[in-house]
Amino acid sequence: MRLSDLVRDQSPDPRKSVAGRQPAFPSSLSDSKNSCEASAVPLGKTDAGADWYGRAQKEMVAIEEAVRANRGITVDGCHRLAEELVALLASSDDLILYLMQGNRESYQVANAIHVAILSVKIGQGLHYDSAALARLAMAGLLHDLGMWLLPQEILEKPGSLSADEWAEIHAHPEQGRRVVAGMGESFHWLATAIAQEHERWDGSGYPCRLKGGEIDEVAQIVGLADVLDAMISPRPYHARMVPHQALRGLLVQHKQAFQPRLLKTVVDQLSLYPVGTVVRLNDGHIGVVSKVNPRFPLRPVLRVQRSHEGRPTGDAAPLDLSHETATHIVEVLPAMQAA
């Protein structure tokens, strides 16, 4: 099976920006304010990324509490976080590395943050402008508002759901749409994205079984990011997949559910060896993917961690496989083998 068979482009020019199709953020948002304490999750050496992630956690926990309590919400904080995320991902993939490591914090809050990160990454590959990328981030952060109106026992149930429970799950996009629609006409684009995020290109989604171009492109991107995050993050009902397996699974199991152009962009932006993947090279060295090469998704940049004899290599220079044609990846390894 060839990669080109899975992601063959059948769509219009991917360089076209969505700017202009949707309104910019309003200057005046809801006056209600919410606050909540949540601990920041360290990202390692990048203080800006760690600070952003910690503030995003606090903001999403506050919004979750407000939705569950049926209080009015404000998205001022999400607006700022969205713009900051676009700037962070323009200069570094450290936030991608963190989410690929499969953290175990509250999965609903983590999912909102991760979907925002992945959505912006996909949008970068589609050459969206900064305003359109910020809208993607905003839609990612708020895509599952309706889920926070569901009983916790359904969300955390490890076994199969009953027919009534599935009916509640399938109703959550409309519930989320109503929350956002009540914030005013300037949020119509966001309400549409939330309502359609679970629709699928082949008509297999819900709640309206829309298909193809009937689905808003922001919703398509957020839906794709949501499925990918569900695969690489632990859930009450399944264990996580390593990113390498998740990308392959996405292309094989979901290739009918998403627009081919978007699937191709995911591979170009994340590669089949996403940032953080531990690999063995044909010369025996072991390295960790530190950067992807969109033009060469099978030949990323590595930080070599161990020699072919198993000895730590220290601060070795990055190895760009797109420039080393005699060297290639032969195996993906468990993360602990890089230590």
Protein backbone atom coordinates (compact mmCIF):
# COMPACT_ATOMS: atom_id res chain seq x y z
CA MET A 1 0.00 0.00 0.00
CA ARG A 2 1.52 3.32 -1.06
CA LEU A 3 1.20 6.52 0.92
CA SER A 4 0.10 8.30 -2.25
CA ASP A 5 -2.82 5.90 -2.58
CA LEU A 6 -4.06 6.87 0.86
CA VAL A 7 -3.76 10.63 0.60
CA ARG A 8 -4.05 11.37 -3.12
CA ASP A 9 -5.12 14.98 -3.54
CA GLN A 10 -8.56 15.31 -5.13
CA SER A 11 -9.34 18.83 -3.98
CA PRO A 12 -8.94 22.49 -5.01
CA ASP A 13 -5.81 24.54 -4.44
CA PRO A 14 -4.73 23.94 -0.80
CA ARG A 15 -3.07 27.34 -0.64
CA LYS A 16 -6.41 29.14 -0.62
CA SER A 17 -6.95 30.91 2.71
CA VAL A 18 -10.26 30.84 4.50
CA ALA A 19 -9.78 34.47 5.49
CA GLY A 20 -12.80 36.44 4.45
CA ARG A 21 -15.21 33.49 4.61
CA GLN A 22 -15.80 33.97 8.31
CA PRO A 23 -16.01 37.11 10.46
CA ALA A 24 -13.02 38.15 12.52
CA PHE A 25 -13.27 37.97 16.30
CA PRO A 26 -15.69 40.54 17.74
CA SER A 27 -14.14 43.34 19.76
CA SER A 28 -16.78 43.03 22.44
CA LEU A 29 -17.49 39.71 24.11
CA SER A 30 -19.64 38.59 27.04
CA ASP A 31 -19.13 40.52 30.29
CA SER A 32 -19.36 37.48 32.54
CA LYS A 33 -16.03 36.32 34.01
CA ASN A 34 -14.97 32.94 35.36
CA SER A 35 -11.81 31.85 37.09
CA CYS A 36 -10.40 28.57 38.33
CA GLU A 37 -7.12 27.24 39.58
CA ALA A 38 -5.32 24.45 37.69
CA SER A 39 -1.68 23.48 37.73
CA ALA A 40 0.45 24.11 34.67
CA VAL A 41 1.97 21.08 33.01
CA PRO A 42 5.70 21.50 32.34
CA LEU A 43 6.76 21.16 28.73
CA GLY A 44 10.46 21.02 29.42
CA LYS A 45 12.79 23.74 28.28
CA THR A 46 10.31 26.03 26.51
CA ASP A 47 8.90 28.46 29.10
CA ALA A 48 6.54 30.10 26.59
CA GLY A 49 4.94 26.78 25.68
CA ALA A 50 4.62 25.70 29.32
CA ASP A 51 3.08 29.04 30.27
CA TRP A 52 0.60 28.89 27.40
CA TYR A 53 -0.42 25.32 28.18
CA GLY A 54 -0.94 26.08 31.87
CA ARG A 55 -3.11 29.11 31.11
CA ALA A 56 -5.07 27.11 28.55
CA GLN A 57 -5.80 24.46 31.21
CA LYS A 58 -7.12 27.09 33.61
CA GLU A 59 -9.26 28.71 30.95
CA MET A 60 -10.82 25.46 29.77
CA VAL A 61 -11.53 24.25 33.31
CA ALA A 62 -13.24 27.58 34.01
CA ILE A 63 -15.38 27.29 30.88
CA GLU A 64 -16.25 23.67 31.68
CA GLU A 65 -17.41 24.68 35.16
CA ALA A 66 -19.46 27.55 33.78
CA VAL A 67 -21.16 25.35 31.18
CA ARG A 68 -21.98 22.64 33.74
CA ALA A 69 -23.40 25.29 36.10
CA ASN A 70 -25.44 26.84 33.25
CA ARG A 71 -23.71 30.18 33.72
CA GLY A 72 -22.90 32.59 30.94
CA ILE A 73 -19.43 32.08 29.50
CA THR A 74 -16.86 34.47 28.13
CA VAL A 75 -14.41 33.60 25.39
CA ASP A 76 -12.09 36.57 25.84
CA GLY A 77 -9.45 34.24 27.25
CA CYS A 78 -9.85 31.76 24.40
CA HIS A 79 -9.42 34.58 21.92
CA ARG A 80 -6.08 35.56 23.47
CA LEU A 81 -4.95 31.95 23.77
CA ALA A 82 -5.82 31.32 20.11
CA GLU A 83 -3.71 34.21 18.86
CA GLU A 84 -0.79 33.23 21.12
CA LEU A 85 -0.98 29.61 19.95
CA VAL A 86 -0.67 30.67 16.32
CA ALA A 87 2.48 32.63 17.17
CA LEU A 88 3.97 29.77 19.21
CA LEU A 89 3.44 27.15 16.49
CA ALA A 90 4.95 29.49 13.91
CA SER A 91 8.29 29.26 15.74
CA SER A 92 8.36 25.86 17.47
CA ASP A 93 6.82 22.37 17.52
CA ASP A 94 7.35 21.92 21.27
CA LEU A 95 3.59 21.87 21.93
CA ILE A 96 3.20 19.12 19.32
CA LEU A 97 5.91 17.13 21.09
CA TYR A 98 4.09 17.44 24.41
CA LEU A 99 0.69 16.31 23.19
CA MET A 100 2.25 13.39 21.30
CA GLN A 101 3.62 12.11 24.62
CA GLY A 102 0.13 11.13 25.77
CA ASN A 103 -0.30 12.99 29.06
CA ARG A 104 -2.91 11.78 31.54
CA GLU A 105 -4.54 14.96 32.84
CA SER A 106 -8.32 15.46 32.58
CA TYR A 107 -8.87 14.12 29.08
CA GLN A 108 -11.74 16.46 28.23
CA VAL A 109 -9.70 19.55 29.04
CA ALA A 110 -6.61 18.08 27.36
CA ASN A 111 -8.67 17.21 24.27
CA ALA A 112 -9.83 20.80 23.85
CA ILE A 113 -6.24 22.06 24.02
CA HIS A 114 -4.80 19.33 21.81
CA VAL A 115 -7.46 19.75 19.13
CA ALA A 116 -6.67 23.47 19.00
CA ILE A 117 -2.94 22.72 18.58
CA LEU A 118 -3.48 20.08 15.89
CA SER A 119 -6.04 22.19 14.04
CA VAL A 120 -3.60 25.10 13.77
CA LYS A 121 -0.89 22.73 12.59
CA ILE A 122 -3.17 21.46 9.82
CA GLY A 123 -4.13 25.02 8.93
CA GLN A 124 -0.46 25.94 8.61
CA GLY A 125 -0.09 23.20 6.04
CA LEU A 126 -3.03 24.65 4.13
CA HIS A 127 -1.36 28.08 4.17
CA TYR A 128 -4.14 29.75 6.13
CA ASP A 129 -3.40 33.31 7.19
CA SER A 130 -2.97 34.23 10.87
CA ALA A 131 -6.59 35.33 11.35
CA ALA A 132 -7.90 32.05 9.89
CA LEU A 133 -5.45 30.06 12.04
CA ALA A 134 -6.70 31.87 15.14
CA ARG A 135 -10.27 30.92 14.22
CA LEU A 136 -9.17 27.30 13.92
CA ALA A 137 -7.57 27.50 17.37
CA MET A 138 -10.72 29.03 18.82
CA ALA A 139 -12.92 26.35 17.26
CA GLY A 140 -10.57 23.65 18.58
CA LEU A 141 -10.68 24.97 22.13
CA LEU A 142 -14.48 25.14 22.15
CA HIS A 143 -15.43 22.28 19.82
CA ASP A 144 -16.89 20.03 22.50
CA LEU A 145 -18.80 22.51 24.67
CA GLY A 146 -21.87 20.31 24.41
CA MET A 147 -20.04 17.36 25.96
CA TRP A 148 -19.82 19.28 29.22
CA LEU A 149 -23.61 19.23 29.45
CA LEU A 150 -23.65 15.41 29.49
CA PRO A 151 -23.67 13.32 32.69
CA GLN A 152 -20.16 12.51 33.86
CA GLU A 153 -21.00 8.81 34.14
CA ILE A 154 -21.57 8.65 30.38
CA LEU A 155 -18.32 10.45 29.58
CA GLU A 156 -16.27 8.22 31.87
CA LYS A 157 -18.04 4.92 31.21
CA PRO A 158 -15.41 2.27 30.33
CA GLY A 159 -17.84 -0.16 28.73
CA SER A 160 -20.35 -0.03 25.89
CA LEU A 161 -22.97 2.71 25.85
CA SER A 162 -26.68 1.98 25.75
CA ALA A 163 -28.91 3.24 22.93
CA ASP A 164 -30.17 6.07 25.17
CA GLU A 165 -26.62 7.04 26.11
CA TRP A 166 -25.60 7.12 22.45
CA ALA A 167 -28.57 9.36 21.74
CA GLU A 168 -27.26 11.81 24.33
CA ILE A 169 -23.79 11.70 22.81
CA HIS A 170 -25.20 12.37 19.34
CA ALA A 171 -27.13 15.37 20.68
CA HIS A 172 -24.11 17.17 22.11
CA PRO A 173 -23.06 19.06 18.93
CA GLU A 174 -26.45 20.78 18.82
CA GLN A 175 -26.26 21.57 22.52
CA GLY A 176 -22.85 23.15 22.03
CA ARG A 177 -24.11 25.10 19.04
CA ARG A 178 -26.90 26.58 21.14
CA VAL A 179 -24.49 27.75 23.83
CA VAL A 180 -22.40 29.63 21.28
CA ALA A 181 -25.34 30.84 19.18
CA GLY A 182 -26.68 32.57 22.27
CA MET A 183 -23.54 34.72 22.34
CA GLY A 184 -24.55 36.68 19.24
CA GLU A 185 -24.49 36.71 15.45
CA SER A 186 -20.75 37.37 15.29
CA PHE A 187 -20.23 33.83 16.62
CA HIS A 188 -22.30 32.15 13.89
CA TRP A 189 -19.15 30.72 12.25
CA LEU A 190 -18.10 29.14 15.56
CA ALA A 191 -21.56 27.73 16.23
CA THR A 192 -21.51 26.15 12.76
CA ALA A 193 -18.10 24.55 13.36
CA ILE A 194 -19.25 23.13 16.70
CA ALA A 195 -22.47 21.78 15.20
CA GLN A 196 -20.66 20.06 12.31
CA GLU A 197 -17.43 18.85 13.91
CA HIS A 198 -18.66 15.24 14.05
CA GLU A 199 -19.94 15.19 10.45
CA ARG A 200 -17.81 13.18 8.04
CA TRP A 201 -16.81 13.52 4.40
CA ASP A 202 -18.50 10.23 3.43
CA GLY A 203 -21.76 11.03 5.27
CA SER A 204 -21.08 8.65 8.15
CA GLY A 205 -21.02 11.31 10.84
CA TYR A 206 -23.65 12.93 13.03
CA PRO A 207 -26.02 14.58 13.85
CA CYS A 208 -27.22 15.47 10.31
CA ARG A 209 -25.18 13.05 8.16
CA LEU A 210 -23.81 15.87 6.05
CA LYS A 211 -21.23 14.91 3.47
CA GLY A 212 -18.51 16.42 1.30
CA GLY A 213 -18.71 20.14 0.72
CA GLU A 214 -21.84 20.43 2.88
CA ILE A 215 -19.50 20.44 5.88
CA ASP A 216 -17.79 23.67 6.84
CA GLU A 217 -14.02 23.35 6.35
CA VAL A 218 -13.23 24.58 9.87
CA ALA A 219 -15.47 21.79 11.17
CA GLN A 220 -13.71 19.26 8.92
CA ILE A 221 -10.28 20.26 10.22
CA VAL A 222 -11.34 20.28 13.86
CA GLY A 223 -13.05 16.91 13.40
CA LEU A 224 -9.88 15.42 11.94
CA ALA A 225 -7.77 16.83 14.77
CA ASP A 226 -10.29 15.46 17.29
CA VAL A 227 -10.10 11.93 15.89
CA LEU A 228 -6.31 12.00 15.86
CA ASP A 229 -6.13 13.22 19.45
CA ALA A 230 -8.57 10.50 20.54
CA MET A 231 -6.17 7.93 19.09
CA ILE A 232 -2.98 9.25 20.72
CA SER A 233 -4.45 10.16 24.11
CA PRO A 234 -5.61 7.73 26.82
CA ARG A 235 -9.38 7.47 27.34
CA PRO A 236 -11.50 5.67 29.95
CA TYR A 237 -12.55 3.22 27.23
CA HIS A 238 -9.24 2.60 25.42
CA ALA A 239 -5.47 2.82 25.76
CA ARG A 240 -3.51 5.32 23.70
CA MET A 241 -1.76 4.51 20.44
CA VAL A 242 1.77 5.69 19.78
CA PRO A 243 1.73 8.57 17.28
CA HIS A 244 3.31 6.53 14.49
CA GLN A 245 0.58 3.90 14.73
CA ALA A 246 -2.13 6.55 15.08
CA LEU A 247 -1.13 8.31 11.86
CA ARG A 248 -1.14 5.03 9.96
CA GLY A 249 -4.45 4.04 11.54
CA LEU A 250 -5.94 7.39 10.60
CA LEU A 251 -4.99 6.92 6.95
CA VAL A 252 -6.20 3.33 6.77
CA GLN A 253 -9.30 3.30 9.00
CA HIS A 254 -10.61 6.83 8.39
CA LYS A 255 -9.55 7.59 4.83
CA GLN A 256 -13.18 7.76 3.64
CA ALA A 257 -14.29 9.93 6.55
CA PHE A 258 -12.09 12.92 5.77
CA GLN A 259 -11.30 15.01 2.73
CA PRO A 260 -8.19 13.58 1.02
CA ARG A 261 -6.55 17.00 0.91
CA LEU A 262 -6.77 17.27 4.70
CA LEU A 263 -5.37 13.78 5.25
CA LYS A 264 -2.46 14.61 2.98
CA THR A 265 -1.85 17.80 4.94
CA VAL A 266 -1.78 15.89 8.25
CA VAL A 267 0.92 13.59 6.90
CA ASP A 268 2.87 16.52 5.45
CA GLN A 269 2.71 18.48 8.73
CA LEU A 270 3.17 15.66 11.26
CA SER A 271 4.80 13.00 9.07
CA LEU A 272 4.28 9.29 9.59
CA TYR A 273 7.00 9.78 12.22
CA PRO A 274 5.57 12.64 14.30
CA VAL A 275 7.66 14.80 16.62
CA GLY A 276 8.63 12.73 19.67
CA THR A 277 8.69 9.36 17.88
CA VAL A 278 11.65 7.13 18.83
CA VAL A 279 13.21 5.39 15.82
CA ARG A 280 16.07 3.06 14.91
CA LEU A 281 18.11 3.86 11.82
CA ASN A 282 19.60 1.42 9.33
CA ASP A 283 23.06 2.08 10.83
CA GLY A 284 21.81 1.06 14.30
CA HIS A 285 21.62 4.51 15.89
CA ILE A 286 18.54 5.41 17.93
CA GLY A 287 17.04 8.89 17.74
CA VAL A 288 13.98 10.97 18.56
CA VAL A 289 12.15 12.94 15.89
CA SER A 290 12.60 16.64 16.71
CA LYS A 291 11.21 18.21 13.54
CA VAL A 292 9.30 17.05 10.48
CA ASN A 293 10.11 17.81 6.86
CA PRO A 294 6.75 18.58 5.17
CA ARG A 295 8.26 17.95 1.74
CA PHE A 296 9.75 14.62 2.88
CA PRO A 297 7.34 13.14 5.47
CA LEU A 298 9.35 9.90 5.74
CA ARG A 299 12.65 11.72 6.37
CA PRO A 300 12.36 13.90 9.52
CA VAL A 301 15.04 15.63 11.59
CA LEU A 302 16.31 13.56 14.53
CA ARG A 303 18.11 14.07 17.80
CA VAL A 304 20.35 11.00 17.93
CA GLN A 305 20.27 9.63 21.48
CA ARG A 306 22.25 6.38 21.29
CA SER A 307 24.92 4.92 19.04
CA HIS A 308 24.57 1.57 17.32
CA GLU A 309 26.45 0.13 20.32
CA GLY A 310 23.84 1.49 22.74
CA ARG A 311 25.97 4.27 24.23
CA PRO A 312 24.45 7.74 24.86
CA THR A 313 25.61 10.22 22.24
CA GLY A 314 25.34 13.36 24.39
CA ASP A 315 24.58 16.63 22.62
CA ALA A 316 24.88 15.32 19.09
CA ALA A 317 24.04 17.68 16.24
CA PRO A 318 20.56 17.26 14.70
CA LEU A 319 20.44 14.71 11.90
CA ASP A 320 18.32 15.78 8.93
CA LEU A 321 17.40 12.62 7.03
CA SER A 322 16.35 14.64 4.00
CA HIS A 323 20.05 15.42 3.53
CA GLU A 324 21.34 11.96 4.47
CA THR A 325 20.08 9.78 1.63
CA ALA A 326 22.08 6.73 2.73
CA THR A 327 20.40 6.74 6.16
CA HIS A 328 16.79 5.85 6.77
CA ILE A 329 14.37 4.74 9.47
CA VAL A 330 13.89 1.00 9.79
CA GLU A 331 11.89 0.70 13.03
CA VAL A 332 9.76 2.65 15.49
CA LEU A 333 10.63 1.93 19.12
CA PRO A 334 8.86 2.37 22.47
CA ALA A 335 9.60 5.78 23.99
CA MET A 336 11.60 4.38 26.90
CA GLN A 337 14.30 3.10 24.55
CA ALA A 338 15.47 6.67 23.92
CA ALA A 339 16.41 7.11 27.57
